[in-house]
Amino acid sequence: MKRLNSACSLLDPLCILKHKADISPALIQKQLWKTKTAYIRVGDIGKSLVQYRVAATPQHRGQPVHIVAIERLKNYLMENDAVLVRE
């Protein structure tokens, strides 16, 4: 996964926007992400795997737990323009 260009200053908003695709989202337990078609709630996070649930609305409970590599979930969130939802 690419990182922020070392020539960029974290205080330079134009440089950050230019390299936005290079920054991966940080995953924290109990986060809720919204994609175009579903909501993804992050569960337990291990060294290399993460548990998550997919629901049609943020209020749905009792959904099955899925387990996938952390990088794969991060890539999915970036590719689908996921937005972190405040609860």
Foldseek 3Di string as FASTA:
>chain_A
DADQDPVDDPPDVVSCVVCVLRDWDDDDAQWWKDFPQWIKGWHDDDPFKTKIFTGRDPPDDDGDIDMDTPVVVRVVCSVRVIDTDDD
